[in-house]
Amino acid sequence: MKNKLLNFYRSLSLRKRIFYLFTIAAFIPFIFTVFLSHESMNSMIDNKWRDNARSHLGQIELSMNHTLDILEQVSHQFNYPRAIALNLSEYLETEDVAKRTSLKEQVQQELEYISYTNSNIGLTAYIDENGESLFHNVSLTKRVDVNQMQPLYQYDRTSFFGPHMSNSRLHSQMVISMVREIDLPSDETIYIYLESHYTFGKSLVQRRNEEGNNSFYLILDDQGRIAYSELSSLFPRNSAFHENDDGSNYGVTQNYYWFLETNNHGWSVVSLIPLMEFNKEKNTWMKQIFLLAIVFGVLSILIALLVWKMVYKPLRQFDHEIVSISSNNFHSKADQTYIKEFDDVLEQLQRMKKQIKELIAEVEDKEKNRADLEIEKLMYQINPHFLMNTLNTVHWLAMIKQQDEIDHVVTSLNRLLAYNLRRGKVSTIEEELDSLRQYCNLQEMRYQFSFYLEIQVPQKALKTKVPKFILQPIVENAIYHGLDDSGAITVTVHQVFGYIHISVHDNGIGFPKEEIHKMLYREEKSDKGRIGIGMNYVRRMLESFYQKEAEIQIDSEEHKGTTVTLILPLEKTKQEKIS
C-alpha cells in the first residue's frame, strides 16, 4: 500500500502535486476543526434546548401551581363557618318558601361577590353529589360529574383537575379546576366547584407560540397518567407515560425529545419537541459548515492555481533558456518573473550562458591554433628527421674514414636527439640513464675535460616509469657548478618503503644553502653553448605527474659537493597515471 501511494505520488505532475498538497493542507485542519466544533456544538445545542425546555416547564408548573393555590385559597371562603356556607346550610334545611327565597338570594349574591373580587376565578358553583349546580355565577354547559374527571392530585376531600375545557357557557377555553367537599352543619353533601379564569388557556397557548419551536405539552397526574395531552394521537389521555420509569427527566420517544418537570404535589408537566425542530439548529449549523467548506475548497483551488502559475512561468522560462543553450542560441534574454529567487536564478543562468559562449569561442580559437600548431609541428619535424639522417651519413663516413672520435660524437648526438624528439613525456629509468650517458659524452668532448660518471641501479628498477628529462638538468647543474678534470658524478637508484630514490651526487665546489631555493624556483636561461633546461623544469614535471607526493631534496656543502635526491611514489595507481 505504501509503495502504491509512493508510486502514485511520483507519477503526479507538479501542478497536481501542488493542487493535492494545498487541498490537504486546507482541509485537514478544517476537518479537525469541524469534528471538534461539531461535538462542542451538539453539546451546546443540547444544553440550550434542555435549559430552555426546563425554563418553560418551570414557568408552566409555577403558573399552574400558583393558580391551583389561588383556587384552594378561594375555596375556603365558601366553606363553613363562612356566612355563605351558613346561609347555604340554612337554605337546604328550611322549608319556608319565603325564607328559602331570601336565603337563595343571599347565597347567590355572596357567591357572585366572592368570584368577582377574585379575578383569577372563572366559573364558581355549589354542586350536589350528582353534579347538579345549586348556585353558580355563570351558566354551566353540563352537569359536573366529578367521578368522570381525572384528578391531577387529591388530598383532604379536595381534588384538582385539568387542564380541561371550561363548563361555562360563556367561554370555551382550557381551564384548571378543583372540587372541594363543603363542611356543613347539615348532613347534606355539597361541593364547591371552582375553575380558573379563562385567560389561563390563552396564556398556555401564548407561551408555546412565544417559544416558536412547535412544542407540545402533556400534564401527568400524581400517578404518572396523562391528564392533559396536546398530542392525543400519540399520547392519549388516561394512558401511562412510561418514558420516565427509569427516573430520567428527558429523553427521546416517537420522534420527539421530551423534558419533564415534576411538582412537589406529584403531578408533572412534559414538553414534547419534534426531532426535526430540535435538529433544525444543528442542520442550519451544518449547512453553514458545508458552505464554509465550499469556500475553503474554492480558495484552496485558487491559491493552488496562483502558486502553480507563480512556479510554472519561471519553469517555462528555465526550460526555454536550457533549450536555447542546447541549440547554441546565446542571444535570447529571459523576462523578469518579479519573484526575487527565480530572477536571481535566471540572472545566474544568463551569466552562465555568457560564460559558455566565451568558453566556446575560446575553444574554437584554441582548436584553430592547435590546427596551426599541428601544421607547424609537421613542418618542424622535417628538419630533425633530415638532421638525424644527415648524422647517420656522417656516422658512416667517419667509420669508413676510421675517424673514431667523430664517430663517437655523432653517435651520442644522434641517440640524444632521437630520445629528445620521441613523442610522449614518459620514459623509464633505463632510457633516462642512457640519455644521461650520451649527454655526458658530448659534454666531455665539448669542453675537453673528463669526469667520472658512476651509475648504481638495481636491475628491477630499470623499467620503472618516470617523466622524461628529470636527470639531465641535475647533471647539467653539477657540470656547470664547479666540476673539474678530477670531478665525479654518482647516480644511485634504490627503493625505500614504496618510494624510489634517485640521487645525483657530485664532488664539485658546492654552494651556500640560501642558493637552494633560487635553484629550484628561478627560470634558468641557457648560457652560450648550454643545453640545460633548468631545475625549475624538474620541479614542475614532478608536480604535474605526482602532485605533492614527490619531493626534491638538495644537500650541498661548499668545497665538498652537492647531492640532489628525487623521491618518487611507486604505487600502482601512480605508475598507471604516468603511463
Protein backbone atom coordinates (compact mmCIF):
# COMPACT_ATOMS: atom_id res chain seq x y z
CA MET A 1 0.00 0.00 0.00
CA LYS A 2 2.83 2.34 0.91
CA ASN A 3 4.63 1.62 -2.36
CA LYS A 4 1.44 2.20 -4.36
CA LEU A 5 0.93 5.59 -2.72
CA LEU A 6 4.59 6.46 -3.30
CA ASN A 7 4.40 5.44 -6.96
CA PHE A 8 1.17 7.37 -7.38
CA TYR A 9 2.74 10.48 -5.87
CA ARG A 10 5.83 10.15 -8.07
CA SER A 11 3.63 9.87 -11.17
CA LEU A 12 1.88 13.18 -10.42
CA SER A 13 2.82 16.32 -12.27
CA LEU A 14 3.95 19.41 -10.37
CA ARG A 15 0.58 21.06 -10.91
CA LYS A 16 -1.30 18.09 -9.43
CA ARG A 17 1.11 17.83 -6.53
CA ILE A 18 0.59 21.50 -5.68
CA PHE A 19 -3.19 21.08 -6.02
CA TYR A 20 -3.34 17.98 -3.79
CA LEU A 21 -0.96 19.38 -1.18
CA PHE A 22 -2.86 22.67 -0.89
CA THR A 23 -6.18 20.83 -0.70
CA ILE A 24 -4.89 18.53 2.04
CA ALA A 25 -3.24 21.41 3.90
CA ALA A 26 -6.50 23.38 3.82
CA PHE A 27 -8.97 20.61 4.59
CA ILE A 28 -7.20 18.54 7.25
CA PRO A 29 -7.20 21.39 9.83
CA PHE A 30 -10.71 22.30 8.67
CA ILE A 31 -11.97 18.72 9.15
CA PHE A 32 -10.41 18.52 12.62
CA THR A 33 -11.96 21.87 13.48
CA VAL A 34 -15.37 20.73 12.18
CA PHE A 35 -15.14 17.49 14.14
CA LEU A 36 -14.23 19.19 17.39
CA SER A 37 -16.71 22.03 16.91
CA HIS A 38 -19.43 19.53 15.95
CA GLU A 39 -19.09 17.80 19.29
CA SER A 40 -18.99 21.11 21.13
CA MET A 41 -21.90 22.48 19.11
CA ASN A 42 -24.01 19.38 19.79
CA SER A 43 -23.35 19.71 23.49
CA MET A 44 -24.11 23.45 23.42
CA ILE A 45 -27.35 22.97 21.45
CA ASP A 46 -28.46 20.08 23.68
CA ASN A 47 -27.80 22.12 26.80
CA LYS A 48 -29.51 25.15 25.29
CA TRP A 49 -32.67 23.25 24.38
CA ARG A 50 -32.65 21.39 27.68
CA ASP A 51 -32.28 24.64 29.64
CA ASN A 52 -34.95 26.37 27.55
CA ALA A 53 -37.35 23.43 27.92
CA ARG A 54 -36.81 23.26 31.67
CA SER A 55 -37.23 27.01 31.93
CA HIS A 56 -40.54 26.89 30.07
CA LEU A 57 -41.67 23.84 32.03
CA GLY A 58 -40.76 25.62 35.24
CA GLN A 59 -42.85 28.63 34.20
CA ILE A 60 -45.85 26.46 33.31
CA GLU A 61 -45.51 24.46 36.53
CA LEU A 62 -45.18 27.66 38.53
CA SER A 63 -48.19 29.23 36.78
CA MET A 64 -50.37 26.15 37.29
CA ASN A 65 -49.26 25.73 40.87
CA HIS A 66 -50.00 29.40 41.55
CA THR A 67 -53.47 29.06 40.01
CA LEU A 68 -54.18 25.89 41.99
CA ASP A 69 -53.10 27.62 45.20
CA ILE A 70 -55.46 30.52 44.43
CA LEU A 71 -58.33 28.10 43.78
CA GLU A 72 -57.64 26.39 47.09
CA GLN A 73 -57.47 29.67 48.98
CA VAL A 74 -60.68 30.94 47.41
CA SER A 75 -62.42 27.63 48.19
CA HIS A 76 -62.01 28.35 51.91
CA GLN A 77 -64.27 31.40 51.50
CA PHE A 78 -67.15 29.08 50.54
CA ASN A 79 -66.58 26.67 53.39
CA TYR A 80 -68.06 26.54 56.86
CA PRO A 81 -68.15 28.67 59.07
CA ARG A 82 -68.28 31.40 56.45
CA ALA A 83 -71.56 33.24 56.16
CA ILE A 84 -72.22 31.91 52.70
CA ALA A 85 -71.84 28.34 53.98
CA LEU A 86 -74.19 29.03 56.93
CA ASN A 87 -76.80 30.56 54.63
CA LEU A 88 -76.41 27.60 52.25
CA SER A 89 -76.89 25.13 55.10
CA GLU A 90 -79.95 27.02 56.35
CA TYR A 91 -81.30 27.23 52.82
CA LEU A 92 -81.05 23.48 52.44
CA GLU A 93 -82.74 22.77 55.80
CA THR A 94 -85.66 25.29 55.87
CA GLU A 95 -88.97 24.57 54.24
CA ASP A 96 -90.27 28.11 54.49
CA VAL A 97 -90.61 29.33 50.91
CA ALA A 98 -90.13 32.97 51.69
CA LYS A 99 -87.08 32.28 53.81
CA ARG A 100 -85.65 29.96 51.16
CA THR A 101 -86.12 32.69 48.58
CA SER A 102 -84.37 35.20 50.77
CA LEU A 103 -81.53 32.83 51.62
CA LYS A 104 -81.15 31.87 47.97
CA GLU A 105 -80.69 35.48 47.01
CA GLN A 106 -78.14 35.98 49.77
CA VAL A 107 -76.13 32.88 48.79
CA GLN A 108 -76.19 33.92 45.13
CA GLN A 109 -75.11 37.46 45.92
CA GLU A 110 -72.29 36.31 48.15
CA LEU A 111 -71.14 33.74 45.57
CA GLU A 112 -71.05 36.38 42.85
CA TYR A 113 -69.30 38.79 45.15
CA ILE A 114 -66.56 36.32 46.07
CA SER A 115 -65.99 35.26 42.46
CA TYR A 116 -65.99 38.88 41.30
CA THR A 117 -63.47 40.01 43.88
CA ASN A 118 -61.05 37.22 42.86
CA SER A 119 -60.02 38.00 39.29
CA ASN A 120 -58.23 34.66 38.84
CA ILE A 121 -61.51 32.77 39.35
CA GLY A 122 -63.79 31.87 36.49
CA LEU A 123 -66.81 29.58 36.85
CA THR A 124 -67.90 29.14 40.51
CA ALA A 125 -70.67 26.79 41.59
CA TYR A 126 -72.11 24.89 44.51
CA ILE A 127 -72.96 21.41 43.28
CA ASP A 128 -74.59 18.42 44.87
CA GLU A 129 -73.24 14.90 44.90
CA ASN A 130 -74.82 14.25 41.49
CA GLY A 131 -73.02 17.18 39.97
CA GLU A 132 -76.09 19.35 39.62
CA SER A 133 -75.49 23.05 40.13
CA LEU A 134 -77.27 24.69 43.09
CA PHE A 135 -75.70 28.13 42.78
CA HIS A 136 -73.33 29.45 40.11
CA ASN A 137 -72.02 32.74 38.82
CA VAL A 138 -72.38 31.75 35.13
CA SER A 139 -74.45 29.10 33.44
CA LEU A 140 -72.99 25.62 33.09
CA THR A 141 -72.97 23.66 29.85
CA LYS A 142 -73.43 20.34 31.58
CA ARG A 143 -73.56 18.59 34.84
CA VAL A 144 -70.25 18.43 36.70
CA ASP A 145 -69.56 14.71 37.05
CA VAL A 146 -66.65 14.53 39.45
CA ASN A 147 -66.39 10.76 39.12
CA GLN A 148 -65.75 11.06 35.37
CA MET A 149 -62.98 13.63 35.73
CA GLN A 150 -59.32 12.63 36.07
CA PRO A 151 -57.75 14.49 39.00
CA LEU A 152 -54.17 15.78 38.99
CA TYR A 153 -53.88 15.06 42.65
CA GLN A 154 -56.14 14.80 45.72
CA TYR A 155 -55.91 15.49 49.39
CA ASP A 156 -58.32 16.11 52.33
CA ARG A 157 -61.56 15.69 50.31
CA THR A 158 -60.20 18.08 47.68
CA SER A 159 -59.49 17.17 44.08
CA PHE A 160 -57.68 19.25 41.45
CA PHE A 161 -58.33 18.76 37.71
CA GLY A 162 -57.12 19.98 34.39
CA PRO A 163 -56.40 21.40 32.12
CA HIS A 164 -59.82 20.71 30.54
CA MET A 165 -62.48 22.58 28.63
CA SER A 166 -64.44 25.00 30.78
CA ASN A 167 -68.01 24.07 31.80
CA SER A 168 -69.03 27.70 31.35
CA ARG A 169 -71.44 28.58 28.59
CA LEU A 170 -69.72 31.94 28.09
CA HIS A 171 -66.22 30.66 27.33
CA SER A 172 -64.74 27.58 25.63
CA GLN A 173 -61.19 27.85 26.92
CA MET A 174 -58.86 25.46 28.69
CA VAL A 175 -59.00 25.84 32.46
CA ILE A 176 -57.91 24.03 35.58
CA SER A 177 -60.41 23.39 38.31
CA MET A 178 -60.97 21.98 41.75
CA VAL A 179 -63.80 20.31 43.67
CA ARG A 180 -63.95 20.51 47.44
CA GLU A 181 -66.47 18.96 49.78
CA ILE A 182 -68.04 21.65 52.00
CA ASP A 183 -68.33 21.22 55.77
CA LEU A 184 -71.97 21.98 56.66
CA PRO A 185 -73.87 21.55 59.91
CA SER A 186 -76.46 19.56 57.98
CA ASP A 187 -75.90 16.09 56.61
CA GLU A 188 -76.10 17.30 53.01
CA THR A 189 -73.12 16.50 50.76
CA ILE A 190 -72.30 19.70 48.90
CA TYR A 191 -69.21 20.59 46.85
CA ILE A 192 -67.74 23.86 45.77
CA TYR A 193 -66.57 23.74 42.15
CA LEU A 194 -64.08 26.39 41.05
CA GLU A 195 -62.49 26.99 37.64
CA SER A 196 -59.55 29.21 36.82
CA HIS A 197 -60.10 32.27 34.72
CA TYR A 198 -60.43 31.56 31.01
CA THR A 199 -57.21 33.50 30.33
CA PHE A 200 -55.25 30.57 31.72
CA GLY A 201 -55.75 28.59 28.50
CA LYS A 202 -54.80 31.60 26.38
CA SER A 203 -51.60 32.09 28.34
CA LEU A 204 -50.68 28.46 27.79
CA VAL A 205 -51.12 28.78 24.03
CA GLN A 206 -49.36 32.17 24.01
CA ARG A 207 -46.35 30.75 25.86
CA ARG A 208 -45.99 27.97 23.32
CA ASN A 209 -46.19 30.46 20.47
CA GLU A 210 -43.50 32.60 22.13
CA GLU A 211 -41.19 29.59 22.23
CA GLY A 212 -41.59 29.32 18.47
CA ASN A 213 -40.47 25.69 18.36
CA ASN A 214 -43.76 23.86 17.74
CA SER A 215 -43.51 22.20 21.13
CA PHE A 216 -46.37 20.32 22.74
CA TYR A 217 -47.27 19.70 26.36
CA LEU A 218 -48.51 16.83 28.45
CA ILE A 219 -49.66 17.09 32.03
CA LEU A 220 -49.36 13.97 34.15
CA ASP A 221 -51.24 13.28 37.33
CA ASP A 222 -49.58 12.10 40.50
CA GLN A 223 -49.88 8.51 39.23
CA GLY A 224 -47.96 9.21 36.02
CA ARG A 225 -51.04 9.03 33.80
CA ILE A 226 -51.69 11.60 31.11
CA ALA A 227 -54.31 14.05 32.37
CA TYR A 228 -53.87 16.51 29.52
CA SER A 229 -52.39 15.93 26.06
CA GLU A 230 -51.79 18.19 23.09
CA LEU A 231 -50.80 15.11 21.06
CA SER A 232 -53.66 12.79 21.82
CA SER A 233 -52.95 10.68 18.71
CA LEU A 234 -49.60 9.59 20.15
CA PHE A 235 -50.16 10.23 23.84
CA PRO A 236 -53.89 9.74 24.63
CA ARG A 237 -55.41 10.86 27.92
CA ASN A 238 -55.60 8.41 30.79
CA SER A 239 -52.67 6.41 29.32
CA ALA A 240 -49.47 5.93 31.27
CA PHE A 241 -46.31 7.84 30.35
CA HIS A 242 -43.65 5.14 30.74
CA GLU A 243 -40.69 7.04 29.31
CA ASN A 244 -39.56 8.26 32.72
CA ASP A 245 -39.91 4.95 34.51
CA ASP A 246 -36.12 4.85 34.90
CA GLY A 247 -36.21 8.17 36.77
CA SER A 248 -34.80 10.29 33.94
CA ASN A 249 -36.28 13.72 33.21
CA TYR A 250 -35.51 13.87 29.46
CA GLY A 251 -35.16 11.52 26.52
CA VAL A 252 -36.38 10.63 23.03
CA THR A 253 -39.62 8.85 22.11
CA GLN A 254 -41.61 8.53 18.91
CA ASN A 255 -39.55 11.18 17.04
CA TYR A 256 -39.88 13.67 19.90
CA TYR A 257 -37.50 14.91 22.53
CA TRP A 258 -39.27 15.05 25.88
CA PHE A 259 -38.43 17.02 29.01
CA LEU A 260 -40.24 16.54 32.33
CA GLU A 261 -40.72 18.78 35.37
CA THR A 262 -42.42 17.34 38.48
CA ASN A 263 -44.32 19.40 41.04
CA ASN A 264 -43.92 18.80 44.77
CA HIS A 265 -47.55 17.57 44.79
CA GLY A 266 -46.57 14.74 42.43
CA TRP A 267 -48.07 15.92 39.13
CA SER A 268 -45.76 16.68 36.20
CA VAL A 269 -45.50 18.80 33.07
CA VAL A 270 -43.91 17.27 29.94
CA SER A 271 -42.64 19.27 26.96
CA LEU A 272 -42.51 17.44 23.62
CA ILE A 273 -40.26 18.89 20.89
CA PRO A 274 -40.17 17.29 17.40
CA LEU A 275 -36.80 15.85 16.44
CA MET A 276 -36.95 17.86 13.22
CA GLU A 277 -37.44 21.04 15.19
CA PHE A 278 -34.76 20.05 17.65
CA ASN A 279 -32.28 19.30 14.84
CA LYS A 280 -33.16 22.39 12.83
CA GLU A 281 -30.46 24.44 14.51
CA LYS A 282 -27.93 21.65 14.03
CA ASN A 283 -28.89 21.38 10.36
CA THR A 284 -28.52 25.13 9.97
CA TRP A 285 -25.08 24.93 11.51
CA MET A 286 -24.14 22.01 9.24
CA LYS A 287 -25.29 23.99 6.20
CA GLN A 288 -23.06 26.85 7.27
CA ILE A 289 -20.14 24.45 7.73
CA PHE A 290 -20.84 22.96 4.29
CA LEU A 291 -20.87 26.41 2.70
CA LEU A 292 -17.68 27.24 4.57
CA ALA A 293 -16.11 24.02 3.25
CA ILE A 294 -17.03 25.06 -0.29
CA VAL A 295 -15.46 28.47 0.30
CA PHE A 296 -12.32 26.80 1.70
CA GLY A 297 -12.20 24.45 -1.28
CA VAL A 298 -12.56 27.27 -3.80
CA LEU A 299 -9.93 29.36 -2.01
CA SER A 300 -7.56 26.37 -1.87
CA ILE A 301 -8.01 25.75 -5.60
CA LEU A 302 -7.48 29.43 -6.39
CA ILE A 303 -4.35 29.59 -4.21
CA ALA A 304 -3.06 26.34 -5.75
CA LEU A 305 -3.60 27.75 -9.24
CA LEU A 306 -1.91 31.00 -8.25
CA VAL A 307 1.10 29.15 -6.82
CA TRP A 308 1.17 26.94 -9.92
CA LYS A 309 1.30 29.98 -12.17
CA MET A 310 3.99 31.54 -9.97
CA VAL A 311 6.10 28.38 -10.32
CA TYR A 312 5.11 27.34 -13.86
CA LYS A 313 6.06 30.58 -15.61
CA PRO A 314 9.66 30.62 -14.26
CA LEU A 315 9.97 26.89 -15.01
CA ARG A 316 8.90 27.50 -18.59
CA GLN A 317 11.49 30.27 -18.81
CA PHE A 318 14.16 27.92 -17.43
CA ASP A 319 13.15 25.32 -20.00
CA HIS A 320 13.33 27.93 -22.78
CA GLU A 321 16.76 29.05 -21.63
CA ILE A 322 18.10 25.48 -21.48
CA VAL A 323 16.70 24.75 -24.96
CA SER A 324 18.33 27.92 -26.27
CA ILE A 325 21.67 26.84 -24.74
CA SER A 326 21.40 23.36 -26.27
CA SER A 327 20.68 24.95 -29.67
CA ASN A 328 23.66 27.36 -29.29
CA ASN A 329 21.36 30.36 -29.10
CA PHE A 330 23.12 32.61 -26.61
CA HIS A 331 21.44 35.86 -27.60
CA SER A 332 17.96 35.32 -26.08
CA LYS A 333 17.17 37.09 -22.80
CA ALA A 334 14.62 35.84 -20.25
CA ASP A 335 11.87 38.12 -18.99
CA GLN A 336 11.65 39.03 -15.34
CA THR A 337 9.28 36.97 -13.18
CA TYR A 338 9.23 39.60 -10.41
CA ILE A 339 9.96 36.81 -7.93
CA LYS A 340 13.36 37.53 -6.40
CA GLU A 341 14.54 33.93 -6.04
CA PHE A 342 13.60 32.98 -9.60
CA ASP A 343 15.00 36.21 -11.02
CA ASP A 344 18.31 35.54 -9.23
CA VAL A 345 18.48 32.05 -10.74
CA LEU A 346 17.64 33.40 -14.20
CA GLU A 347 20.36 36.02 -13.80
CA GLN A 348 22.84 33.29 -12.87
CA LEU A 349 21.69 31.34 -15.93
CA GLN A 350 22.30 34.39 -18.15
CA ARG A 351 25.80 34.72 -16.72
CA MET A 352 26.37 31.01 -17.33
CA LYS A 353 25.21 31.44 -20.96
CA LYS A 354 27.68 34.27 -21.37
CA GLN A 355 30.49 32.19 -19.89
CA ILE A 356 29.60 29.21 -22.08
CA LYS A 357 29.60 31.48 -25.11
CA GLU A 358 33.03 32.80 -24.15
CA LEU A 359 34.32 29.28 -23.48
CA ILE A 360 33.05 28.06 -26.84
CA ALA A 361 34.75 31.00 -28.54
CA GLU A 362 37.92 30.24 -26.59
CA VAL A 363 37.76 26.55 -27.53
CA GLU A 364 37.22 27.47 -31.17
CA ASP A 365 40.27 29.75 -31.03
CA LYS A 366 42.30 27.02 -29.36
CA GLU A 367 41.20 24.48 -31.95
CA LYS A 368 42.21 26.86 -34.70
CA ASN A 369 45.56 27.49 -33.02
CA ARG A 370 46.01 23.76 -32.45
CA ALA A 371 45.47 23.08 -36.14
CA ASP A 372 48.03 25.74 -36.95
CA LEU A 373 50.43 24.20 -34.44
CA GLU A 374 49.92 20.75 -35.93
CA ILE A 375 50.86 22.07 -39.33
CA GLU A 376 53.81 23.91 -37.85
CA LYS A 377 54.83 20.80 -35.93
CA LEU A 378 54.77 18.73 -39.07
CA MET A 379 56.92 21.33 -40.75
CA TYR A 380 59.39 21.37 -37.86
CA GLN A 381 59.55 17.58 -37.76
CA ILE A 382 61.00 17.58 -41.27
CA ASN A 383 64.22 19.31 -40.18
CA PRO A 384 65.05 16.98 -37.20
CA HIS A 385 64.50 13.93 -39.34
CA PHE A 386 66.67 15.42 -42.05
CA LEU A 387 69.31 16.23 -39.40
CA MET A 388 69.22 12.70 -37.98
CA ASN A 389 69.55 11.20 -41.42
CA THR A 390 72.45 13.51 -42.13
CA LEU A 391 74.11 12.49 -38.83
CA ASN A 392 73.73 8.87 -39.75
CA THR A 393 75.51 9.64 -43.02
CA VAL A 394 78.33 11.39 -41.13
CA HIS A 395 78.50 8.40 -38.78
CA TRP A 396 79.05 6.01 -41.67
CA LEU A 397 81.57 8.31 -43.34
CA ALA A 398 83.51 8.55 -40.06
CA MET A 399 83.57 4.79 -39.77
CA ILE A 400 84.75 4.47 -43.34
CA LYS A 401 87.46 7.09 -42.76
CA GLN A 402 88.24 5.49 -39.38
CA GLN A 403 87.57 8.76 -37.52
CA ASP A 404 86.65 7.21 -34.17
CA GLU A 405 86.17 10.44 -32.24
CA ILE A 406 83.89 11.90 -34.87
CA ASP A 407 82.02 8.61 -34.98
CA HIS A 408 81.67 8.63 -31.18
CA VAL A 409 80.38 12.25 -31.10
CA VAL A 410 77.93 11.74 -33.94
CA THR A 411 76.59 8.52 -32.41
CA SER A 412 75.98 10.14 -28.99
CA LEU A 413 74.41 13.21 -30.56
CA ASN A 414 72.16 11.10 -32.78
CA ARG A 415 70.97 8.94 -29.86
CA LEU A 416 70.35 12.04 -27.67
CA LEU A 417 68.39 13.74 -30.44
CA ALA A 418 66.34 10.58 -31.02
CA TYR A 419 65.48 10.44 -27.32
CA ASN A 420 64.58 14.13 -27.19
CA LEU A 421 62.41 14.01 -30.33
CA ARG A 422 60.50 10.91 -29.30
CA ARG A 423 56.85 11.58 -28.60
CA GLY A 424 55.43 11.50 -25.07
CA LYS A 425 56.51 12.80 -21.73
CA VAL A 426 57.11 9.42 -20.10
CA SER A 427 60.22 7.30 -20.13
CA THR A 428 61.88 4.63 -18.00
CA ILE A 429 64.84 4.88 -15.67
CA GLU A 430 66.85 2.75 -18.10
CA GLU A 431 66.16 5.13 -21.02
CA GLU A 432 66.72 8.19 -18.85
CA LEU A 433 70.14 6.85 -17.71
CA ASP A 434 71.15 6.01 -21.29
CA SER A 435 70.26 9.55 -22.40
CA LEU A 436 72.28 10.84 -19.47
CA ARG A 437 75.37 8.87 -20.63
CA GLN A 438 75.10 10.33 -24.14
CA TYR A 439 74.76 13.83 -22.71
CA CYS A 440 77.87 13.36 -20.53
CA ASN A 441 79.86 12.04 -23.51
CA LEU A 442 79.01 15.13 -25.52
CA GLN A 443 79.91 17.43 -22.61
CA GLU A 444 83.33 15.73 -22.18
CA MET A 445 84.16 16.18 -25.86
CA ARG A 446 82.76 19.71 -25.96
CA TYR A 447 84.72 21.11 -23.00
CA GLN A 448 87.80 18.86 -23.42
CA PHE A 449 87.77 17.64 -19.86
CA SER A 450 86.83 14.32 -18.42
CA PHE A 451 84.86 13.49 -15.28
CA TYR A 452 83.91 10.21 -13.79
CA LEU A 453 80.24 9.13 -14.14
CA GLU A 454 79.15 6.25 -11.96
CA ILE A 455 75.64 4.78 -12.15
CA GLN A 456 74.36 2.38 -9.49
CA VAL A 457 70.87 1.00 -10.20
CA PRO A 458 69.30 -2.38 -9.38
CA GLN A 459 68.06 -4.41 -12.32
CA LYS A 460 64.41 -4.43 -11.12
CA ALA A 461 64.29 -0.60 -11.11
CA LEU A 462 65.31 -0.13 -14.75
CA LYS A 463 61.76 -0.46 -16.13
CA THR A 464 60.24 1.93 -13.60
CA LYS A 465 58.42 4.71 -15.43
CA VAL A 466 59.40 8.30 -14.76
CA PRO A 467 58.90 11.65 -16.52
CA LYS A 468 61.41 12.48 -19.27
CA PHE A 469 64.39 14.80 -18.73
CA ILE A 470 64.40 14.79 -14.93
CA LEU A 471 68.08 13.74 -14.57
CA GLN A 472 69.76 15.76 -17.32
CA PRO A 473 69.08 19.21 -15.69
CA ILE A 474 70.53 17.92 -12.38
CA VAL A 475 73.72 16.61 -14.01
CA GLU A 476 73.92 19.80 -16.08
CA ASN A 477 73.92 21.87 -12.87
CA ALA A 478 76.63 19.60 -11.43
CA ILE A 479 78.84 20.14 -14.52
CA TYR A 480 78.30 23.91 -14.52
CA HIS A 481 78.85 24.35 -10.77
CA GLY A 482 82.49 23.54 -10.35
CA LEU A 483 83.43 20.12 -11.69
CA ASP A 484 87.00 19.83 -12.99
CA ASP A 485 89.07 17.04 -14.52
CA SER A 486 89.10 15.24 -11.23
CA GLY A 487 85.35 15.59 -10.80
CA ALA A 488 82.97 12.69 -10.36
CA ILE A 489 79.20 12.30 -10.62
CA THR A 490 77.45 9.36 -8.98
CA VAL A 491 73.88 8.41 -9.81
CA THR A 492 72.24 5.90 -7.46
CA VAL A 493 68.79 4.40 -7.56
CA HIS A 494 67.19 2.43 -4.70
CA GLN A 495 63.71 1.66 -3.33
CA VAL A 496 62.58 2.67 0.19
CA PHE A 497 59.09 1.90 1.62
CA GLY A 498 57.09 2.29 -1.58
CA TYR A 499 59.18 5.16 -2.92
CA ILE A 500 62.09 5.14 -5.36
CA HIS A 501 65.02 7.39 -4.51
CA ILE A 502 67.16 8.73 -7.39
CA SER A 503 70.27 10.55 -6.10
CA VAL A 504 72.76 12.57 -8.14
CA HIS A 505 75.96 13.38 -6.19
CA ASP A 506 78.91 15.46 -7.38
CA ASN A 507 82.18 16.35 -5.69
CA GLY A 508 82.25 19.89 -7.04
CA ILE A 509 82.70 23.18 -5.24
CA GLY A 510 79.14 23.17 -3.79
CA PHE A 511 77.12 26.29 -2.95
CA PRO A 512 75.54 28.00 0.05
CA LYS A 513 72.18 26.80 1.42
CA GLU A 514 70.43 30.08 0.57
CA GLU A 515 71.02 29.30 -3.11
CA ILE A 516 68.94 26.09 -2.97
CA HIS A 517 65.56 27.87 -3.20
CA LYS A 518 66.79 30.07 -6.06
CA MET A 519 67.97 26.98 -7.93
CA LEU A 520 64.52 25.33 -7.66
CA TYR A 521 62.25 28.29 -8.42
CA ARG A 522 64.14 30.53 -10.87
CA GLU A 523 63.77 30.32 -14.61
CA GLU A 524 67.21 29.46 -15.97
CA LYS A 525 68.27 30.84 -19.29
CA SER A 526 70.65 28.76 -21.38
CA ASP A 527 74.11 30.20 -21.47
CA LYS A 528 76.12 30.24 -24.61
CA GLY A 529 76.69 26.66 -25.69
CA ARG A 530 74.46 25.13 -22.94
CA ILE A 531 71.74 22.52 -23.48
CA GLY A 532 70.25 22.79 -19.97
CA ILE A 533 66.56 23.41 -19.32
CA GLY A 534 66.83 24.08 -15.60
CA MET A 535 65.95 22.63 -12.25
CA ASN A 536 62.66 24.56 -12.41
CA TYR A 537 61.60 22.19 -15.17
CA VAL A 538 62.28 19.17 -12.92
CA ARG A 539 60.17 20.63 -10.12
CA ARG A 540 57.26 21.39 -12.43
CA MET A 541 57.35 17.96 -14.06
CA LEU A 542 57.22 16.23 -10.68
CA GLU A 543 54.32 18.42 -9.52
CA SER A 544 52.47 17.74 -12.76
CA PHE A 545 52.83 13.94 -12.57
CA TYR A 546 52.80 13.30 -8.83
CA GLN A 547 51.13 16.44 -7.39
CA LYS A 548 52.50 16.79 -3.84
CA GLU A 549 53.56 13.18 -3.38
CA ALA A 550 57.01 13.63 -4.97
CA GLU A 551 59.84 15.51 -3.30
CA ILE A 552 63.20 17.10 -4.24
CA GLN A 553 65.90 17.18 -1.56
CA ILE A 554 69.14 19.18 -2.08
CA ASP A 555 72.11 18.89 0.27
CA SER A 556 75.17 20.98 -0.53
CA GLU A 557 78.35 21.88 1.31
CA GLU A 558 80.88 24.31 -0.04
CA HIS A 559 84.10 22.71 -1.40
CA LYS A 560 82.67 19.24 -0.75
CA GLY A 561 79.92 18.77 -3.31
CA THR A 562 76.16 18.61 -3.77
CA THR A 563 73.59 15.79 -3.60
CA VAL A 564 70.19 16.10 -5.28
CA THR A 565 67.65 13.36 -4.42
CA LEU A 566 64.34 12.76 -6.18
CA ILE A 567 61.79 10.82 -4.09
CA LEU A 568 59.04 9.40 -6.31
CA PRO A 569 56.00 7.25 -5.29
CA LEU A 570 55.79 3.72 -6.66
CA GLU A 571 52.05 2.99 -6.14
CA LYS A 572 50.37 1.10 -8.95
CA THR A 573 47.87 3.93 -9.48
CA LYS A 574 50.69 6.47 -9.88
CA GLN A 575 52.51 4.28 -12.37
CA GLU A 576 49.28 3.79 -14.34
CA LYS A 577 48.74 7.54 -14.37
CA ILE A 578 52.28 8.13 -15.70
CA SER A 579 51.63 5.51 -18.37
